[in-house]
């Protein structure tokens, strides 16, 4: 019984970490593709502030940066 509970708990934790890992990979892709824009338009901003800054300046983004931005 304990083994089954352990296996289920392990599967649950492993499954929950996948979206976090995907989010990190996506954030890294945006950071790389939008490096120049982040430095020029959103200097000193990080995380959600930087993301909002990029969205607010969408018309000024390079095609590469726009392509890396999450579709919402």
PDB file of N, CA and C in Angstrom:
ATOM      1  N   UNK A   1       0.816  -1.193   0.000  1.00  0.00           N
ATOM      2  CA  UNK A   1       0.000   0.000   0.000  1.00  0.00           C
ATOM      3  C   UNK A   1       0.863   1.262   0.000  1.00  0.00           C
ATOM      4  N   UNK A   2       1.914   1.276   0.836  1.00  0.00           N
ATOM      5  CA  UNK A   2       2.802   2.437   0.883  1.00  0.00           C
ATOM      6  C   UNK A   2       3.514   2.628  -0.448  1.00  0.00           C
ATOM      7  N   UNK A   3       3.870   1.534  -1.099  1.00  0.00           N
ATOM      8  CA  UNK A   3       4.559   1.607  -2.386  1.00  0.00           C
ATOM      9  C   UNK A   3       3.655   2.243  -3.440  1.00  0.00           C
ATOM     10  N   UNK A   4       2.396   1.879  -3.449  1.00  0.00           N
ATOM     11  CA  UNK A   4       1.454   2.444  -4.408  1.00  0.00           C
ATOM     12  C   UNK A   4       1.298   3.945  -4.165  1.00  0.00           C
ATOM     13  N   UNK A   5       1.175   4.335  -2.916  1.00  0.00           N
ATOM     14  CA  UNK A   5       1.046   5.751  -2.582  1.00  0.00           C
ATOM     15  C   UNK A   5       2.295   6.515  -3.014  1.00  0.00           C
ATOM     16  N   UNK A   6       3.461   5.931  -2.803  1.00  0.00           N
ATOM     17  CA  UNK A   6       4.718   6.568  -3.199  1.00  0.00           C
ATOM     18  C   UNK A   6       4.790   6.735  -4.712  1.00  0.00           C
ATOM     19  N   UNK A   7       4.411   5.700  -5.445  1.00  0.00           N
ATOM     20  CA  UNK A   7       4.446   5.755  -6.908  1.00  0.00           C
ATOM     21  C   UNK A   7       3.482   6.822  -7.419  1.00  0.00           C
ATOM     22  N   UNK A   8       2.285   6.873  -6.845  1.00  0.00           N
ATOM     23  CA  UNK A   8       1.309   7.880  -7.259  1.00  0.00           C
ATOM     24  C   UNK A   8       1.786   9.290  -6.934  1.00  0.00           C
ATOM     25  N   UNK A   9       2.357   9.475  -5.771  1.00  0.00           N
ATOM     26  CA  UNK A   9       2.867  10.782  -5.376  1.00  0.00           C
ATOM     27  C   UNK A   9       4.019  11.211  -6.285  1.00  0.00           C
ATOM     28  N   UNK A  10       4.902  10.288  -6.598  1.00  0.00           N
ATOM     29  CA  UNK A  10       6.029  10.581  -7.485  1.00  0.00           C
ATOM     30  C   UNK A  10       5.531  10.981  -8.873  1.00  0.00           C
ATOM     31  N   UNK A  11       4.545  10.278  -9.383  1.00  0.00           N
ATOM     32  CA  UNK A  11       3.982  10.596 -10.695  1.00  0.00           C
ATOM     33  C   UNK A  11       3.314  11.965 -10.682  1.00  0.00           C
ATOM     34  N   UNK A  12       2.626  12.278  -9.602  1.00  0.00           N
ATOM     35  CA  UNK A  12       1.960  13.571  -9.490  1.00  0.00           C
ATOM     36  C   UNK A  12       2.973  14.705  -9.471  1.00  0.00           C
ATOM     37  N   UNK A  13       4.024  14.569  -8.694  1.00  0.00           N
ATOM     38  CA  UNK A  13       5.057  15.599  -8.609  1.00  0.00           C
ATOM     39  C   UNK A  13       5.769  15.748  -9.947  1.00  0.00           C
ATOM     40  N   UNK A  14       6.092  14.654 -10.596  1.00  0.00           N
ATOM     41  CA  UNK A  14       6.777  14.714 -11.890  1.00  0.00           C
ATOM     42  C   UNK A  14       5.891  15.383 -12.927  1.00  0.00           C
ATOM     43  N   UNK A  15       4.615  15.076 -12.929  1.00  0.00           N
ATOM     44  CA  UNK A  15       3.683  15.677 -13.873  1.00  0.00           C
ATOM     45  C   UNK A  15       3.498  17.156 -13.634  1.00  0.00           C
ATOM     46  N   UNK A  16       3.525  17.568 -12.389  1.00  0.00           N
ATOM     47  CA  UNK A  16       3.341  18.976 -12.057  1.00  0.00           C
ATOM     48  C   UNK A  16       4.545  19.818 -12.457  1.00  0.00           C
ATOM     49  N   UNK A  17       5.715  19.229 -12.514  1.00  0.00           N
ATOM     50  CA  UNK A  17       6.916  19.995 -12.844  1.00  0.00           C
ATOM     51  C   UNK A  17       7.066  20.232 -14.341  1.00  0.00           C
ATOM     52  N   UNK A  18       6.377  19.490 -15.171  1.00  0.00           N
ATOM     53  CA  UNK A  18       6.505  19.642 -16.618  1.00  0.00           C
ATOM     54  C   UNK A  18       6.057  21.026 -17.084  1.00  0.00           C
ATOM     55  N   UNK A  19       4.889  21.543 -16.654  1.00  0.00           N
ATOM     56  CA  UNK A  19       4.529  22.896 -17.093  1.00  0.00           C
ATOM     57  C   UNK A  19       5.522  23.956 -16.634  1.00  0.00           C
ATOM     58  N   UNK A  20       6.104  23.800 -15.460  1.00  0.00           N
ATOM     59  CA  UNK A  20       7.096  24.758 -14.965  1.00  0.00           C
ATOM     60  C   UNK A  20       8.321  24.739 -15.857  1.00  0.00           C
ATOM     61  N   UNK A  21       8.763  23.553 -16.240  1.00  0.00           N
ATOM     62  CA  UNK A  21       9.924  23.432 -17.110  1.00  0.00           C
ATOM     63  C   UNK A  21       9.634  24.025 -18.486  1.00  0.00           C
ATOM     64  N   UNK A  22       8.438  23.800 -19.002  1.00  0.00           N
ATOM     65  CA  UNK A  22       8.056  24.358 -20.300  1.00  0.00           C
ATOM     66  C   UNK A  22       8.018  25.879 -20.226  1.00  0.00           C
ATOM     67  N   UNK A  23       7.515  26.418 -19.125  1.00  0.00           N
ATOM     68  CA  UNK A  23       7.462  27.873 -18.933  1.00  0.00           C
ATOM     69  C   UNK A  23       8.869  28.460 -18.919  1.00  0.00           C
ATOM     70  N   UNK A  24       9.781  27.799 -18.225  1.00  0.00           N
ATOM     71  CA  UNK A  24      11.161  28.291 -18.163  1.00  0.00           C
ATOM     72  C   UNK A  24      11.809  28.275 -19.535  1.00  0.00           C
ATOM     73  N   UNK A  25      11.590  27.207 -20.291  1.00  0.00           N
ATOM     74  CA  UNK A  25      12.162  27.109 -21.630  1.00  0.00           C
ATOM     75  C   UNK A  25      11.603  28.208 -22.526  1.00  0.00           C
ATOM     76  N   UNK A  26      10.292  28.459 -22.408  1.00  0.00           N
ATOM     77  CA  UNK A  26       9.661  29.510 -23.202  1.00  0.00           C
ATOM     78  C   UNK A  26      10.220  30.882 -22.824  1.00  0.00           C
ATOM     79  N   UNK A  27      10.373  31.133 -21.531  1.00  0.00           N
ATOM     80  CA  UNK A  27      10.927  32.411 -21.069  1.00  0.00           C
ATOM     81  C   UNK A  27      12.339  32.608 -21.584  1.00  0.00           C
ATOM     82  N   UNK A  28      13.136  31.540 -21.592  1.00  0.00           N
ATOM     83  CA  UNK A  28      14.507  31.615 -22.077  1.00  0.00           C
ATOM     84  C   UNK A  28      14.534  31.922 -23.573  1.00  0.00           C
ATOM     85  N   UNK A  29      13.611  31.328 -24.324  1.00  0.00           N
ATOM     86  CA  UNK A  29      13.536  31.592 -25.764  1.00  0.00           C
ATOM     87  C   UNK A  29      13.194  33.048 -26.023  1.00  0.00           C
ATOM     88  N   UNK A  30      12.251  33.585 -25.267  1.00  0.00           N
ATOM     89  CA  UNK A  30      11.870  34.988 -25.428  1.00  0.00           C
ATOM     90  C   UNK A  30      13.051  35.888 -25.069  1.00  0.00           C
ATOM     91  N   UNK A  31      13.722  35.581 -23.969  1.00  0.00           N
ATOM     92  CA  UNK A  31      14.865  36.393 -23.539  1.00  0.00           C
ATOM     93  C   UNK A  31      15.955  36.417 -24.607  1.00  0.00           C
ATOM     94  N   UNK A  32      16.207  35.287 -25.231  1.00  0.00           N
ATOM     95  CA  UNK A  32      17.240  35.237 -26.264  1.00  0.00           C
ATOM     96  C   UNK A  32      16.799  35.967 -27.534  1.00  0.00           C
ATOM     97  N   UNK A  33      15.570  35.716 -27.965  1.00  0.00           N
ATOM     98  CA  UNK A  33      15.074  36.316 -29.207  1.00  0.00           C
ATOM     99  C   UNK A  33      14.856  37.819 -29.066  1.00  0.00           C
ATOM    100  N   UNK A  34      14.564  38.265 -27.859  1.00  0.00           N
ATOM    101  CA  UNK A  34      14.230  39.678 -27.622  1.00  0.00           C
ATOM    102  C   UNK A  34      15.321  40.415 -26.852  1.00  0.00           C
ATOM    103  N   UNK A  35      16.525  39.894 -26.891  1.00  0.00           N
ATOM    104  CA  UNK A  35      17.612  40.477 -26.101  1.00  0.00           C
ATOM    105  C   UNK A  35      17.808  41.963 -26.403  1.00  0.00           C
ATOM    106  N   UNK A  36      17.861  42.318 -27.670  1.00  0.00           N
ATOM    107  CA  UNK A  36      18.076  43.727 -28.040  1.00  0.00           C
ATOM    108  C   UNK A  36      16.903  44.597 -27.595  1.00  0.00           C
ATOM    109  N   UNK A  37      15.680  44.098 -27.778  1.00  0.00           N
ATOM    110  CA  UNK A  37      14.495  44.856 -27.381  1.00  0.00           C
ATOM    111  C   UNK A  37      14.438  45.049 -25.869  1.00  0.00           C
ATOM    112  N   UNK A  38      14.798  44.011 -25.135  1.00  0.00           N
ATOM    113  CA  UNK A  38      14.802  44.117 -23.669  1.00  0.00           C
ATOM    114  C   UNK A  38      15.807  45.169 -23.211  1.00  0.00           C
ATOM    115  N   UNK A  39      16.967  45.204 -23.853  1.00  0.00           N
ATOM    116  CA  UNK A  39      17.982  46.191 -23.484  1.00  0.00           C
ATOM    117  C   UNK A  39      17.568  47.601 -23.884  1.00  0.00           C
ATOM    118  N   UNK A  40      16.964  47.734 -25.043  1.00  0.00           N
ATOM    119  CA  UNK A  40      16.618  49.059 -25.566  1.00  0.00           C
ATOM    120  C   UNK A  40      15.315  49.604 -24.975  1.00  0.00           C
ATOM    121  N   UNK A  41      14.287  48.777 -24.934  1.00  0.00           N
ATOM    122  CA  UNK A  41      12.955  49.249 -24.563  1.00  0.00           C
ATOM    123  C   UNK A  41      12.588  48.988 -23.105  1.00  0.00           C
ATOM    124  N   UNK A  42      13.165  47.957 -22.518  1.00  0.00           N
ATOM    125  CA  UNK A  42      12.719  47.508 -21.192  1.00  0.00           C
ATOM    126  C   UNK A  42      13.894  47.373 -20.231  1.00  0.00           C
ATOM    127  N   UNK A  43      14.834  48.247 -20.348  1.00  0.00           N
ATOM    128  CA  UNK A  43      16.063  48.177 -19.562  1.00  0.00           C
ATOM    129  C   UNK A  43      15.761  48.103 -18.062  1.00  0.00           C
ATOM    130  N   UNK A  44      16.382  47.127 -17.411  1.00  0.00           N
ATOM    131  CA  UNK A  44      16.259  46.965 -15.966  1.00  0.00           C
ATOM    132  C   UNK A  44      15.019  46.213 -15.513  1.00  0.00           C
ATOM    133  N   UNK A  45      14.124  45.899 -16.428  1.00  0.00           N
ATOM    134  CA  UNK A  45      12.912  45.178 -16.052  1.00  0.00           C
ATOM    135  C   UNK A  45      13.126  43.682 -16.202  1.00  0.00           C
ATOM    136  N   UNK A  46      12.507  42.931 -15.317  1.00  0.00           N
ATOM    137  CA  UNK A  46      12.641  41.477 -15.338  1.00  0.00           C
ATOM    138  C   UNK A  46      11.275  40.844 -15.129  1.00  0.00           C
ATOM    139  N   UNK A  47      11.191  39.575 -15.484  1.00  0.00           N
ATOM    140  CA  UNK A  47       9.986  38.797 -15.225  1.00  0.00           C
ATOM    141  C   UNK A  47       8.750  39.368 -15.891  1.00  0.00           C
ATOM    142  N   UNK A  48       7.673  39.462 -15.117  1.00  0.00           N
ATOM    143  CA  UNK A  48       6.391  39.917 -15.655  1.00  0.00           C
ATOM    144  C   UNK A  48       6.454  41.367 -16.135  1.00  0.00           C
ATOM    145  N   UNK A  49       7.264  42.185 -15.462  1.00  0.00           N
ATOM    146  CA  UNK A  49       7.408  43.583 -15.902  1.00  0.00           C
ATOM    147  C   UNK A  49       8.012  43.640 -17.300  1.00  0.00           C
ATOM    148  N   UNK A  50       9.038  42.840 -17.538  1.00  0.00           N
ATOM    149  CA  UNK A  50       9.682  42.814 -18.852  1.00  0.00           C
ATOM    150  C   UNK A  50       8.713  42.281 -19.905  1.00  0.00           C
ATOM    151  N   UNK A  51       7.957  41.252 -19.546  1.00  0.00           N
ATOM    152  CA  UNK A  51       6.980  40.695 -20.486  1.00  0.00           C
ATOM    153  C   UNK A  51       5.926  41.738 -20.848  1.00  0.00           C
ATOM    154  N   UNK A  52       5.431  42.450 -19.859  1.00  0.00           N
ATOM    155  CA  UNK A  52       4.437  43.490 -20.120  1.00  0.00           C
ATOM    156  C   UNK A  52       5.031  44.616 -20.959  1.00  0.00           C
ATOM    157  N   UNK A  53       6.263  44.964 -20.689  1.00  0.00           N
ATOM    158  CA  UNK A  53       6.945  45.997 -21.470  1.00  0.00           C
ATOM    159  C   UNK A  53       7.035  45.595 -22.939  1.00  0.00           C
ATOM    160  N   UNK A  54       7.396  44.343 -23.193  1.00  0.00           N
ATOM    161  CA  UNK A  54       7.473  43.871 -24.575  1.00  0.00           C
ATOM    162  C   UNK A  54       6.100  43.926 -25.235  1.00  0.00           C
ATOM    163  N   UNK A  55       5.067  43.523 -24.512  1.00  0.00           N
ATOM    164  CA  UNK A  55       3.706  43.567 -25.064  1.00  0.00           C
ATOM    165  C   UNK A  55       3.298  45.007 -25.364  1.00  0.00           C
ATOM    166  N   UNK A  56       3.655  45.930 -24.476  1.00  0.00           N
ATOM    167  CA  UNK A  56       3.312  47.336 -24.668  1.00  0.00           C
ATOM    168  C   UNK A  56       4.032  47.955 -25.862  1.00  0.00           C
ATOM    169  N   UNK A  57       5.161  47.379 -26.239  1.00  0.00           N
ATOM    170  CA  UNK A  57       5.972  47.894 -27.347  1.00  0.00           C
ATOM    171  C   UNK A  57       5.958  46.950 -28.545  1.00  0.00           C
ATOM    172  N   UNK A  58       4.881  46.210 -28.692  1.00  0.00           N
ATOM    173  CA  UNK A  58       4.810  45.181 -29.728  1.00  0.00           C
ATOM    174  C   UNK A  58       5.116  45.716 -31.124  1.00  0.00           C
ATOM    175  N   UNK A  59       4.684  46.920 -31.412  1.00  0.00           N
ATOM    176  CA  UNK A  59       4.912  47.480 -32.748  1.00  0.00           C
ATOM    177  C   UNK A  59       6.396  47.741 -33.029  1.00  0.00           C
ATOM    178  N   UNK A  60       7.217  47.796 -31.988  1.00  0.00           N
ATOM    179  CA  UNK A  60       8.644  48.078 -32.141  1.00  0.00           C
ATOM    180  C   UNK A  60       9.505  46.815 -32.122  1.00  0.00           C
ATOM    181  N   UNK A  61       8.885  45.650 -31.949  1.00  0.00           N
ATOM    182  CA  UNK A  61       9.637  44.403 -31.823  1.00  0.00           C
ATOM    183  C   UNK A  61      10.047  43.856 -33.183  1.00  0.00           C
ATOM    184  N   UNK A  62      11.198  43.210 -33.203  1.00  0.00           N
ATOM    185  CA  UNK A  62      11.668  42.553 -34.419  1.00  0.00           C
ATOM    186  C   UNK A  62      10.772  41.340 -34.701  1.00  0.00           C
ATOM    187  N   UNK A  63      10.749  40.895 -35.945  1.00  0.00           N
ATOM    188  CA  UNK A  63       9.963  39.689 -36.265  1.00  0.00           C
ATOM    189  C   UNK A  63      10.412  38.478 -35.440  1.00  0.00           C
ATOM    190  N   UNK A  64      11.700  38.374 -35.200  1.00  0.00           N
ATOM    191  CA  UNK A  64      12.237  37.258 -34.408  1.00  0.00           C
ATOM    192  C   UNK A  64      11.675  37.305 -32.986  1.00  0.00           C
ATOM    193  N   UNK A  65      11.646  38.466 -32.398  1.00  0.00           N
ATOM    194  CA  UNK A  65      11.134  38.633 -31.049  1.00  0.00           C
ATOM    195  C   UNK A  65       9.630  38.367 -31.010  1.00  0.00           C
ATOM    196  N   UNK A  66       8.903  38.932 -31.953  1.00  0.00           N
ATOM    197  CA  UNK A  66       7.457  38.705 -32.007  1.00  0.00           C
ATOM    198  C   UNK A  66       7.140  37.217 -32.112  1.00  0.00           C
ATOM    199  N   UNK A  67       7.928  36.501 -32.891  1.00  0.00           N
ATOM    200  CA  UNK A  67       7.704  35.072 -33.086  1.00  0.00           C
ATOM    201  C   UNK A  67       7.958  34.254 -31.830  1.00  0.00           C
ATOM    202  N   UNK A  68       8.807  34.758 -30.948  1.00  0.00           N
ATOM    203  CA  UNK A  68       9.127  34.037 -29.730  1.00  0.00           C
ATOM    204  C   UNK A  68       8.145  34.322 -28.598  1.00  0.00           C
ATOM    205  N   UNK A  69       7.388  35.401 -28.737  1.00  0.00           N
ATOM    206  CA  UNK A  69       6.444  35.783 -27.695  1.00  0.00           C
ATOM    207  C   UNK A  69       5.324  34.746 -27.584  1.00  0.00           C
ATOM    208  N   UNK A  70       4.867  34.464 -26.358  1.00  0.00           N
ATOM    209  CA  UNK A  70       3.773  33.501 -26.183  1.00  0.00           C
ATOM    210  C   UNK A  70       2.502  34.011 -26.847  1.00  0.00           C
ATOM    211  N   UNK A  71       1.793  33.101 -27.462  1.00  0.00           N
ATOM    212  CA  UNK A  71       0.526  33.447 -28.121  1.00  0.00           C
ATOM    213  C   UNK A  71      -0.580  33.399 -27.080  1.00  0.00           C
ATOM    214  N   UNK A  72      -1.291  34.517 -26.889  1.00  0.00           N
ATOM    215  CA  UNK A  72      -2.373  34.535 -25.898  1.00  0.00           C
ATOM    216  C   UNK A  72      -3.614  35.141 -26.458  1.00  0.00           C
TER     217      UNK A  72
END
